[in-house]
Amino acid sequence: MISLVVFCVGSITYAYSVRGNSRWASFGEYIRKGWPIFTPFNCLLYLFTKPRARPAIMDINDFPELAEIQNNWEVIREEAMTLMADGGFDTISDPDSASFYDVGFRTFYKYGWTKFYVNWYGYTHESAKRTCPKTVALLSKIPSVNGAMFSVLPPGGQLTRHLDPVACSLRYHLGLDTPNHDDCYISVDDQTYSWRDGEPVLFDVTFLHYAHNDADKSRLILMCDIERPMSWFGHILNLPYKWLMSATVVPNTDEDKKGFANRVFSSTAPLLEKTKRLKETNLLAYKIIKYTVNTTILLMIAGFIWLTIKFIIWLI
């Protein structure tokens, strides 16, 4: 137990003070936004990650298995642009739509970001099979693709500085219809990349990153989660994370299935929105509900982490 505590404290210290070039403004910000509960397990995956996948932004030439995606970028773009013209990205702003309650990405909506899932951790969306069958067929031939979606960032849109909580996968972006200008860019660990049509970038989402579209045209990309290259033991350790991600499947339309985590989120989120009104009329009741929900979520995550640790001990 002492060794476990030392490892957890050391992992959090490493993630906060040592890893990468970009730093948190304060330890309080890291606690609020850095998901420290996942940090120790993330550090285990970093330990077993192969050298080609350790930089914040990787050399795409070190990942020849992804070349087939770039080679077919015009085919993918044609389907994505048809989908966009038909309003396929418009429904996520509607609380009555199946795609609105996205536990993983919903916080991006308020900055104009939209998406359409192709597949996600073991599930291929029926709506994607219907609207972009060529993209579905192409990605199904590449085993390292854990999930994929089309993503749009409109003029003036942004994603504020953040990191993804779990180190399950790497993130791949392929420019489809972009401003092709330096005013539309992503910064990963203080390294800036500007999207260009037909060009990919691969990076680690557990480094601090943010994005801006200060151009006068929308940015349309294919965004994929790519299996983190690790030793065989690292891939075994990653199985609980992949199971967790499979629970976050979000439908595009009613024909698609909904993962367990999103079923829970879509049921509780409307209630939480209503409780925000209590902040003005009954602050005590609002705080009781807020902290009860937050504590429940933390206990569920802690339970997942505990089961994962037991799994690792059983493996060893």
Foldseek 3Di string as FASTA:
>chain_A
DVVVVVLLVVQLCCLAPPPFQDHDPDVVVCVVFVQSVLRSLQVVLLVFFDPQANDQWGDCVVPVLCVLCLVCLQLVLVLVVVCVVVVLFPCLVPLPFQQVQQPQCNVQVVQPKTKAWQAALPGGWPVNCVRRVVVNVSVVVRVQFRTKMKMKAAARGKFDKHAHHHQFFKKKKAWADAPQDQLWWKAFSNRIDHHDHSDMIIGGRSTIMMTHRNDHGMTIIMMTTGGRHGDPVSVVLSVLVSVVRQQRDTHSGPRGDHHVVSVVRSVCVVVLVVLVVCVVVPVVVSVVVVVVVVVVVVVVSVVSVVVSVVVVVVVD
